[in-house]
Every structure is written in structure tokens, then in C-alpha cells.
Amino acid sequence: MYTSKSPTLNVHGETRDTVVFILNDFINDNVKLRNEYIGVIHGYSSTILKNKVHEVLKHHKNVDSFKVDPFNPGLTIIKLKLK
């Protein structure tokens, strides 16, 4: 379960291209650390970063599922596949 103490990545101010590398590294690091739930703050005013984050998550082999936080639409909650 995602909590306020779960690892969270803030990608405000990043470009669509750089967010790919940053997000992949963040996911891979958290798989190694065995964190099942993580979050990505992308903001909600523009959907450019959110769409790119979701595109990366759809194709990442270590992502089990993801959803936008119902209480904060600027945050995506990710469940990772732990080996």
C-alpha cells in the first residue's frame, strides 16, 4: 500500500525526454530496494508529463500496475513487480 512515507519522485520541471531516464532509474532502484509501492508527482495542470510517465509505465517490465491517486490527480501510484 502506498503511504506518505513511500518513495516518491517529483518530475516537475523535467522535459518529456529526461523524464524517461529519471523514471527508469527510479523504478529500477526501488526494485533493488524491494519497495513495492512508489509514487511519481507529475502535476495536474498540464497532461504532457503525466502522459509520458504513463507511457513509460505501460511498457516497463518491473511495473505491475499504476493509477492516478484519487485524492491528488497530480500523483501516480505505482505497484512494482518484486522478484
PDB file of N, CA and C in Angstrom:
ATOM      1  N   MET A   1       0.833  -1.182   0.000  1.00  0.00           N
ATOM      2  CA  MET A   1       0.000   0.000   0.000  1.00  0.00           C
ATOM      3  C   MET A   1       0.878   1.246   0.000  1.00  0.00           C
ATOM      4  N   TYR A   2       0.523   2.208  -0.822  1.00  0.00           N
ATOM      5  CA  TYR A   2       1.244   3.468  -0.902  1.00  0.00           C
ATOM      6  C   TYR A   2       0.891   4.325   0.303  1.00  0.00           C
ATOM      7  N   THR A   3       1.910   4.872   0.970  1.00  0.00           N
ATOM      8  CA  THR A   3       1.701   5.780   2.099  1.00  0.00           C
ATOM      9  C   THR A   3       2.525   7.033   1.886  1.00  0.00           C
ATOM     10  N   SER A   4       2.378   7.988   2.767  1.00  0.00           N
ATOM     11  CA  SER A   4       3.145   9.231   2.656  1.00  0.00           C
ATOM     12  C   SER A   4       4.639   8.995   2.855  1.00  0.00           C
ATOM     13  N   LYS A   5       5.014   7.844   3.394  1.00  0.00           N
ATOM     14  CA  LYS A   5       6.430   7.525   3.596  1.00  0.00           C
ATOM     15  C   LYS A   5       7.021   6.708   2.447  1.00  0.00           C
ATOM     16  N   SER A   6       6.204   6.363   1.466  1.00  0.00           N
ATOM     17  CA  SER A   6       6.692   5.618   0.304  1.00  0.00           C
ATOM     18  C   SER A   6       7.599   6.509  -0.532  1.00  0.00           C
ATOM     19  N   PRO A   7       8.597   5.928  -1.196  1.00  0.00           N
ATOM     20  CA  PRO A   7       9.475   6.728  -2.052  1.00  0.00           C
ATOM     21  C   PRO A   7       8.672   7.424  -3.149  1.00  0.00           C
ATOM     22  N   THR A   8       8.984   8.695  -3.359  1.00  0.00           N
ATOM     23  CA  THR A   8       8.253   9.485  -4.344  1.00  0.00           C
ATOM     24  C   THR A   8       9.228  10.306  -5.166  1.00  0.00           C
ATOM     25  N   LEU A   9       9.011  10.337  -6.458  1.00  0.00           N
ATOM     26  CA  LEU A   9       9.833  11.101  -7.393  1.00  0.00           C
ATOM     27  C   LEU A   9       9.033  12.294  -7.895  1.00  0.00           C
ATOM     28  N   ASN A  10       9.626  13.480  -7.815  1.00  0.00           N
ATOM     29  CA  ASN A  10       8.988  14.698  -8.304  1.00  0.00           C
ATOM     30  C   ASN A  10       9.620  15.066  -9.645  1.00  0.00           C
ATOM     31  N   VAL A  11       8.836  15.054 -10.714  1.00  0.00           N
ATOM     32  CA  VAL A  11       9.373  15.342 -12.046  1.00  0.00           C
ATOM     33  C   VAL A  11       8.951  16.720 -12.572  1.00  0.00           C
ATOM     34  N   HIS A  12       8.471  17.579 -11.686  1.00  0.00           N
ATOM     35  CA  HIS A  12       8.153  18.954 -12.106  1.00  0.00           C
ATOM     36  C   HIS A  12       9.398  19.594 -12.718  1.00  0.00           C
ATOM     37  N   GLY A  13       9.213  20.275 -13.815  1.00  0.00           N
ATOM     38  CA  GLY A  13      10.316  20.986 -14.453  1.00  0.00           C
ATOM     39  C   GLY A  13      11.145  20.140 -15.402  1.00  0.00           C
ATOM     40  N   GLU A  14      10.871  18.857 -15.469  1.00  0.00           N
ATOM     41  CA  GLU A  14      11.606  17.979 -16.389  1.00  0.00           C
ATOM     42  C   GLU A  14      10.957  18.020 -17.767  1.00  0.00           C
ATOM     43  N   THR A  15      11.726  17.620 -18.769  1.00  0.00           N
ATOM     44  CA  THR A  15      11.172  17.531 -20.119  1.00  0.00           C
ATOM     45  C   THR A  15      10.673  16.111 -20.361  1.00  0.00           C
ATOM     46  N   ARG A  16       9.940  15.932 -21.436  1.00  0.00           N
ATOM     47  CA  ARG A  16       9.440  14.595 -21.791  1.00  0.00           C
ATOM     48  C   ARG A  16      10.589  13.624 -22.008  1.00  0.00           C
ATOM     49  N   ASP A  17      11.688  14.101 -22.558  1.00  0.00           N
ATOM     50  CA  ASP A  17      12.825  13.223 -22.838  1.00  0.00           C
ATOM     51  C   ASP A  17      13.586  12.829 -21.574  1.00  0.00           C
ATOM     52  N   THR A  18      13.820  13.788 -20.687  1.00  0.00           N
ATOM     53  CA  THR A  18      14.597  13.474 -19.480  1.00  0.00           C
ATOM     54  C   THR A  18      13.794  12.650 -18.481  1.00  0.00           C
ATOM     55  N   VAL A  19      12.479  12.822 -18.472  1.00  0.00           N
ATOM     56  CA  VAL A  19      11.662  12.078 -17.514  1.00  0.00           C
ATOM     57  C   VAL A  19      11.762  10.574 -17.760  1.00  0.00           C
ATOM     58  N   VAL A  20      11.990  10.159 -18.984  1.00  0.00           N
ATOM     59  CA  VAL A  20      12.124   8.734 -19.299  1.00  0.00           C
ATOM     60  C   VAL A  20      13.306   8.136 -18.538  1.00  0.00           C
ATOM     61  N   PHE A  21      14.452   8.775 -18.617  1.00  0.00           N
ATOM     62  CA  PHE A  21      15.659   8.264 -17.965  1.00  0.00           C
ATOM     63  C   PHE A  21      15.551   8.314 -16.450  1.00  0.00           C
ATOM     64  N   ILE A  22      15.042   9.424 -15.937  1.00  0.00           N
ATOM     65  CA  ILE A  22      14.904   9.592 -14.492  1.00  0.00           C
ATOM     66  C   ILE A  22      13.936   8.564 -13.921  1.00  0.00           C
ATOM     67  N   LEU A  23      12.807   8.364 -14.589  1.00  0.00           N
ATOM     68  CA  LEU A  23      11.794   7.426 -14.121  1.00  0.00           C
ATOM     69  C   LEU A  23      12.293   5.987 -14.181  1.00  0.00           C
ATOM     70  N   ASN A  24      12.960   5.608 -15.256  1.00  0.00           N
ATOM     71  CA  ASN A  24      13.514   4.253 -15.358  1.00  0.00           C
ATOM     72  C   ASN A  24      14.512   3.968 -14.247  1.00  0.00           C
ATOM     73  N   ASP A  25      15.394   4.919 -13.965  1.00  0.00           N
ATOM     74  CA  ASP A  25      16.368   4.748 -12.873  1.00  0.00           C
ATOM     75  C   ASP A  25      15.661   4.628 -11.526  1.00  0.00           C
ATOM     76  N   PHE A  26      14.645   5.465 -11.300  1.00  0.00           N
ATOM     77  CA  PHE A  26      13.895   5.443 -10.044  1.00  0.00           C
ATOM     78  C   PHE A  26      13.205   4.095  -9.840  1.00  0.00           C
ATOM     79  N   ILE A  27      12.579   3.584 -10.887  1.00  0.00           N
ATOM     80  CA  ILE A  27      11.906   2.287 -10.797  1.00  0.00           C
ATOM     81  C   ILE A  27      12.916   1.180 -10.508  1.00  0.00           C
ATOM     82  N   ASN A  28      13.989   1.134 -11.275  1.00  0.00           N
ATOM     83  CA  ASN A  28      14.993   0.082 -11.095  1.00  0.00           C
ATOM     84  C   ASN A  28      15.640   0.125  -9.713  1.00  0.00           C
ATOM     85  N   ASP A  29      15.912   1.317  -9.202  1.00  0.00           N
ATOM     86  CA  ASP A  29      16.481   1.449  -7.851  1.00  0.00           C
ATOM     87  C   ASP A  29      15.515   0.923  -6.799  1.00  0.00           C
ATOM     88  N   ASN A  30      14.231   1.211  -6.949  1.00  0.00           N
ATOM     89  CA  ASN A  30      13.255   0.772  -5.960  1.00  0.00           C
ATOM     90  C   ASN A  30      12.957  -0.716  -6.043  1.00  0.00           C
ATOM     91  N   VAL A  31      13.121  -1.311  -7.199  1.00  0.00           N
ATOM     92  CA  VAL A  31      13.007  -2.767  -7.303  1.00  0.00           C
ATOM     93  C   VAL A  31      14.150  -3.406  -6.514  1.00  0.00           C
ATOM     94  N   LYS A  32      15.359  -2.866  -6.674  1.00  0.00           N
ATOM     95  CA  LYS A  32      16.515  -3.386  -5.929  1.00  0.00           C
ATOM     96  C   LYS A  32      16.327  -3.222  -4.418  1.00  0.00           C
ATOM     97  N   LEU A  33      15.683  -2.124  -4.019  1.00  0.00           N
ATOM     98  CA  LEU A  33      15.439  -1.863  -2.600  1.00  0.00           C
ATOM     99  C   LEU A  33      14.207  -2.596  -2.067  1.00  0.00           C
ATOM    100  N   ARG A  34      13.503  -3.306  -2.955  1.00  0.00           N
ATOM    101  CA  ARG A  34      12.327  -4.102  -2.613  1.00  0.00           C
ATOM    102  C   ARG A  34      11.164  -3.251  -2.091  1.00  0.00           C
ATOM    103  N   ASN A  35      11.011  -2.057  -2.637  1.00  0.00           N
ATOM    104  CA  ASN A  35       9.865  -1.205  -2.331  1.00  0.00           C
ATOM    105  C   ASN A  35       8.743  -1.567  -3.286  1.00  0.00           C
ATOM    106  N   GLU A  36       7.636  -2.041  -2.752  1.00  0.00           N
ATOM    107  CA  GLU A  36       6.543  -2.499  -3.607  1.00  0.00           C
ATOM    108  C   GLU A  36       5.746  -1.347  -4.204  1.00  0.00           C
ATOM    109  N   TYR A  37       5.579  -0.245  -3.455  1.00  0.00           N
ATOM    110  CA  TYR A  37       4.804   0.901  -3.923  1.00  0.00           C
ATOM    111  C   TYR A  37       5.665   2.150  -3.949  1.00  0.00           C
ATOM    112  N   ILE A  38       5.563   2.893  -5.038  1.00  0.00           N
ATOM    113  CA  ILE A  38       6.259   4.169  -5.180  1.00  0.00           C
ATOM    114  C   ILE A  38       5.298   5.169  -5.809  1.00  0.00           C
ATOM    115  N   GLY A  39       5.690   6.429  -5.805  1.00  0.00           N
ATOM    116  CA  GLY A  39       4.845   7.456  -6.403  1.00  0.00           C
ATOM    117  C   GLY A  39       5.646   8.384  -7.297  1.00  0.00           C
ATOM    118  N   VAL A  40       4.968   8.970  -8.265  1.00  0.00           N
ATOM    119  CA  VAL A  40       5.574   9.968  -9.145  1.00  0.00           C
ATOM    120  C   VAL A  40       4.664  11.189  -9.161  1.00  0.00           C
ATOM    121  N   ILE A  41       5.228  12.337  -8.782  1.00  0.00           N
ATOM    122  CA  ILE A  41       4.494  13.599  -8.815  1.00  0.00           C
ATOM    123  C   ILE A  41       4.775  14.252 -10.162  1.00  0.00           C
ATOM    124  N   HIS A  42       3.738  14.373 -10.976  1.00  0.00           N
ATOM    125  CA  HIS A  42       3.898  14.961 -12.302  1.00  0.00           C
ATOM    126  C   HIS A  42       3.098  16.240 -12.458  1.00  0.00           C
ATOM    127  N   GLY A  43       2.273  16.550 -11.495  1.00  0.00           N
ATOM    128  CA  GLY A  43       1.421  17.732 -11.570  1.00  0.00           C
ATOM    129  C   GLY A  43       0.157  17.433 -12.363  1.00  0.00           C
ATOM    130  N   TYR A  44      -0.807  18.327 -12.281  1.00  0.00           N
ATOM    131  CA  TYR A  44      -2.075  18.106 -12.968  1.00  0.00           C
ATOM    132  C   TYR A  44      -2.491  19.266 -13.862  1.00  0.00           C
ATOM    133  N   SER A  45      -1.704  20.319 -13.923  1.00  0.00           N
ATOM    134  CA  SER A  45      -2.103  21.455 -14.749  1.00  0.00           C
ATOM    135  C   SER A  45      -1.899  21.177 -16.236  1.00  0.00           C
ATOM    136  N   SER A  46      -0.853  20.442 -16.556  1.00  0.00           N
ATOM    137  CA  SER A  46      -0.591  20.057 -17.942  1.00  0.00           C
ATOM    138  C   SER A  46      -0.462  18.543 -17.982  1.00  0.00           C
ATOM    139  N   THR A  47      -1.053  17.925 -18.967  1.00  0.00           N
ATOM    140  CA  THR A  47      -1.019  16.461 -19.022  1.00  0.00           C
ATOM    141  C   THR A  47       0.184  15.923 -19.787  1.00  0.00           C
ATOM    142  N   ILE A  48       1.087  16.797 -20.225  1.00  0.00           N
ATOM    143  CA  ILE A  48       2.239  16.360 -21.015  1.00  0.00           C
ATOM    144  C   ILE A  48       3.100  15.389 -20.229  1.00  0.00           C
ATOM    145  N   LEU A  49       3.518  15.768 -19.012  1.00  0.00           N
ATOM    146  CA  LEU A  49       4.365  14.886 -18.206  1.00  0.00           C
ATOM    147  C   LEU A  49       3.609  13.651 -17.747  1.00  0.00           C
ATOM    148  N   LYS A  50       2.364  13.819 -17.360  1.00  0.00           N
ATOM    149  CA  LYS A  50       1.569  12.672 -16.915  1.00  0.00           C
ATOM    150  C   LYS A  50       1.448  11.631 -18.023  1.00  0.00           C
ATOM    151  N   ASN A  51       1.164  12.072 -19.217  1.00  0.00           N
ATOM    152  CA  ASN A  51       1.038  11.146 -20.338  1.00  0.00           C
ATOM    153  C   ASN A  51       2.343  10.420 -20.625  1.00  0.00           C
ATOM    154  N   LYS A  52       3.459  11.126 -20.539  1.00  0.00           N
ATOM    155  CA  LYS A  52       4.760  10.495 -20.794  1.00  0.00           C
ATOM    156  C   LYS A  52       5.091   9.504 -19.690  1.00  0.00           C
ATOM    157  N   VAL A  53       4.826   9.866 -18.439  1.00  0.00           N
ATOM    158  CA  VAL A  53       5.055   8.956 -17.314  1.00  0.00           C
ATOM    159  C   VAL A  53       4.225   7.685 -17.508  1.00  0.00           C
ATOM    160  N   HIS A  54       2.970   7.823 -17.848  1.00  0.00           N
ATOM    161  CA  HIS A  54       2.095   6.661 -18.036  1.00  0.00           C
ATOM    162  C   HIS A  54       2.534   5.815 -19.232  1.00  0.00           C
ATOM    163  N   GLU A  55       3.037   6.461 -20.262  1.00  0.00           N
ATOM    164  CA  GLU A  55       3.547   5.721 -21.419  1.00  0.00           C
ATOM    165  C   GLU A  55       4.744   4.851 -21.022  1.00  0.00           C
ATOM    166  N   VAL A  56       5.648   5.413 -20.233  1.00  0.00           N
ATOM    167  CA  VAL A  56       6.817   4.652 -19.757  1.00  0.00           C
ATOM    168  C   VAL A  56       6.364   3.501 -18.865  1.00  0.00           C
ATOM    169  N   LEU A  57       5.431   3.761 -17.971  1.00  0.00           N
ATOM    170  CA  LEU A  57       4.963   2.741 -17.030  1.00  0.00           C
ATOM    171  C   LEU A  57       4.287   1.577 -17.745  1.00  0.00           C
ATOM    172  N   LYS A  58       3.552   1.853 -18.811  1.00  0.00           N
ATOM    173  CA  LYS A  58       2.858   0.797 -19.562  1.00  0.00           C
ATOM    174  C   LYS A  58       3.829  -0.220 -20.135  1.00  0.00           C
ATOM    175  N   HIS A  59       5.032   0.216 -20.463  1.00  0.00           N
ATOM    176  CA  HIS A  59       5.986  -0.654 -21.147  1.00  0.00           C
ATOM    177  C   HIS A  59       7.139  -1.120 -20.257  1.00  0.00           C
ATOM    178  N   HIS A  60       7.162  -0.712 -19.007  1.00  0.00           N
ATOM    179  CA  HIS A  60       8.272  -1.084 -18.121  1.00  0.00           C
ATOM    180  C   HIS A  60       8.048  -2.480 -17.549  1.00  0.00           C
ATOM    181  N   LYS A  61       9.046  -3.336 -17.664  1.00  0.00           N
ATOM    182  CA  LYS A  61       8.909  -4.741 -17.251  1.00  0.00           C
ATOM    183  C   LYS A  61       8.740  -4.919 -15.746  1.00  0.00           C
ATOM    184  N   ASN A  62       9.163  -3.943 -14.941  1.00  0.00           N
ATOM    185  CA  ASN A  62       9.082  -4.071 -13.487  1.00  0.00           C
ATOM    186  C   ASN A  62       7.827  -3.433 -12.886  1.00  0.00           C
ATOM    187  N   VAL A  63       6.944  -2.915 -13.718  1.00  0.00           N
ATOM    188  CA  VAL A  63       5.715  -2.277 -13.227  1.00  0.00           C
ATOM    189  C   VAL A  63       4.562  -3.269 -13.308  1.00  0.00           C
ATOM    190  N   ASP A  64       3.964  -3.532 -12.149  1.00  0.00           N
ATOM    191  CA  ASP A  64       2.807  -4.426 -12.090  1.00  0.00           C
ATOM    192  C   ASP A  64       1.535  -3.671 -12.471  1.00  0.00           C
ATOM    193  N   SER A  65       1.336  -2.491 -11.860  1.00  0.00           N
ATOM    194  CA  SER A  65       0.162  -1.674 -12.161  1.00  0.00           C
ATOM    195  C   SER A  65       0.424  -0.240 -11.713  1.00  0.00           C
ATOM    196  N   PHE A  66      -0.431   0.664 -12.177  1.00  0.00           N
ATOM    197  CA  PHE A  66      -0.326   2.061 -11.747  1.00  0.00           C
ATOM    198  C   PHE A  66      -1.692   2.716 -11.876  1.00  0.00           C
ATOM    199  N   LYS A  67      -1.887   3.771 -11.084  1.00  0.00           N
ATOM    200  CA  LYS A  67      -3.146   4.529 -11.140  1.00  0.00           C
ATOM    201  C   LYS A  67      -2.900   5.934 -10.622  1.00  0.00           C
ATOM    202  N   VAL A  68      -3.726   6.850 -11.071  1.00  0.00           N
ATOM    203  CA  VAL A  68      -3.666   8.217 -10.563  1.00  0.00           C
ATOM    204  C   VAL A  68      -4.311   8.217  -9.185  1.00  0.00           C
ATOM    205  N   ASP A  69      -3.671   8.879  -8.245  1.00  0.00           N
ATOM    206  CA  ASP A  69      -4.206   8.974  -6.884  1.00  0.00           C
ATOM    207  C   ASP A  69      -5.558   9.688  -6.934  1.00  0.00           C
ATOM    208  N   PRO A  70      -6.614   9.071  -6.409  1.00  0.00           N
ATOM    209  CA  PRO A  70      -7.939   9.696  -6.473  1.00  0.00           C
ATOM    210  C   PRO A  70      -8.053  10.991  -5.656  1.00  0.00           C
ATOM    211  N   PHE A  71      -7.193  11.166  -4.679  1.00  0.00           N
ATOM    212  CA  PHE A  71      -7.233  12.373  -3.848  1.00  0.00           C
ATOM    213  C   PHE A  71      -6.280  13.452  -4.343  1.00  0.00           C
ATOM    214  N   ASN A  72      -5.319  13.080  -5.208  1.00  0.00           N
ATOM    215  CA  ASN A  72      -4.341  14.015  -5.749  1.00  0.00           C
ATOM    216  C   ASN A  72      -4.067  13.637  -7.204  1.00  0.00           C
ATOM    217  N   PRO A  73      -4.759  14.245  -8.155  1.00  0.00           N
ATOM    218  CA  PRO A  73      -4.577  13.869  -9.553  1.00  0.00           C
ATOM    219  C   PRO A  73      -3.208  14.226 -10.129  1.00  0.00           C
ATOM    220  N   GLY A  74      -2.373  14.875  -9.361  1.00  0.00           N
ATOM    221  CA  GLY A  74      -1.008  15.189  -9.797  1.00  0.00           C
ATOM    222  C   GLY A  74      -0.010  14.125  -9.388  1.00  0.00           C
ATOM    223  N   LEU A  75      -0.489  13.005  -8.840  1.00  0.00           N
ATOM    224  CA  LEU A  75       0.356  11.923  -8.350  1.00  0.00           C
ATOM    225  C   LEU A  75      -0.098  10.604  -8.956  1.00  0.00           C
ATOM    226  N   THR A  76       0.867   9.833  -9.467  1.00  0.00           N
ATOM    227  CA  THR A  76       0.580   8.483  -9.936  1.00  0.00           C
ATOM    228  C   THR A  76       1.208   7.504  -8.976  1.00  0.00           C
ATOM    229  N   ILE A  77       0.415   6.536  -8.516  1.00  0.00           N
ATOM    230  CA  ILE A  77       0.870   5.491  -7.593  1.00  0.00           C
ATOM    231  C   ILE A  77       1.213   4.260  -8.424  1.00  0.00           C
ATOM    232  N   ILE A  78       2.384   3.695  -8.151  1.00  0.00           N
ATOM    233  CA  ILE A  78       2.890   2.560  -8.942  1.00  0.00           C
ATOM    234  C   ILE A  78       3.126   1.369  -8.032  1.00  0.00           C
ATOM    235  N   LYS A  79       2.655   0.210  -8.472  1.00  0.00           N
ATOM    236  CA  LYS A  79       2.960  -1.058  -7.791  1.00  0.00           C
ATOM    237  C   LYS A  79       3.999  -1.772  -8.635  1.00  0.00           C
ATOM    238  N   LEU A  80       5.113  -2.120  -8.003  1.00  0.00           N
ATOM    239  CA  LEU A  80       6.219  -2.767  -8.712  1.00  0.00           C
ATOM    240  C   LEU A  80       6.156  -4.276  -8.589  1.00  0.00           C
ATOM    241  N   LYS A  81       6.702  -4.958  -9.584  1.00  0.00           N
ATOM    242  CA  LYS A  81       6.869  -6.421  -9.528  1.00  0.00           C
ATOM    243  C   LYS A  81       8.164  -6.684  -8.786  1.00  0.00           C
ATOM    244  N   LEU A  82       8.069  -7.394  -7.693  1.00  0.00           N
ATOM    245  CA  LEU A  82       9.270  -7.756  -6.940  1.00  0.00           C
ATOM    246  C   LEU A  82       9.590  -9.214  -7.226  1.00  0.00           C
ATOM    247  N   LYS A  83      10.839  -9.480  -7.490  1.00  0.00           N
ATOM    248  CA  LYS A  83      11.257 -10.836  -7.866  1.00  0.00           C
ATOM    249  C   LYS A  83      11.505 -11.691  -6.659  1.00  0.00           C
TER     250      LYS A  83
END
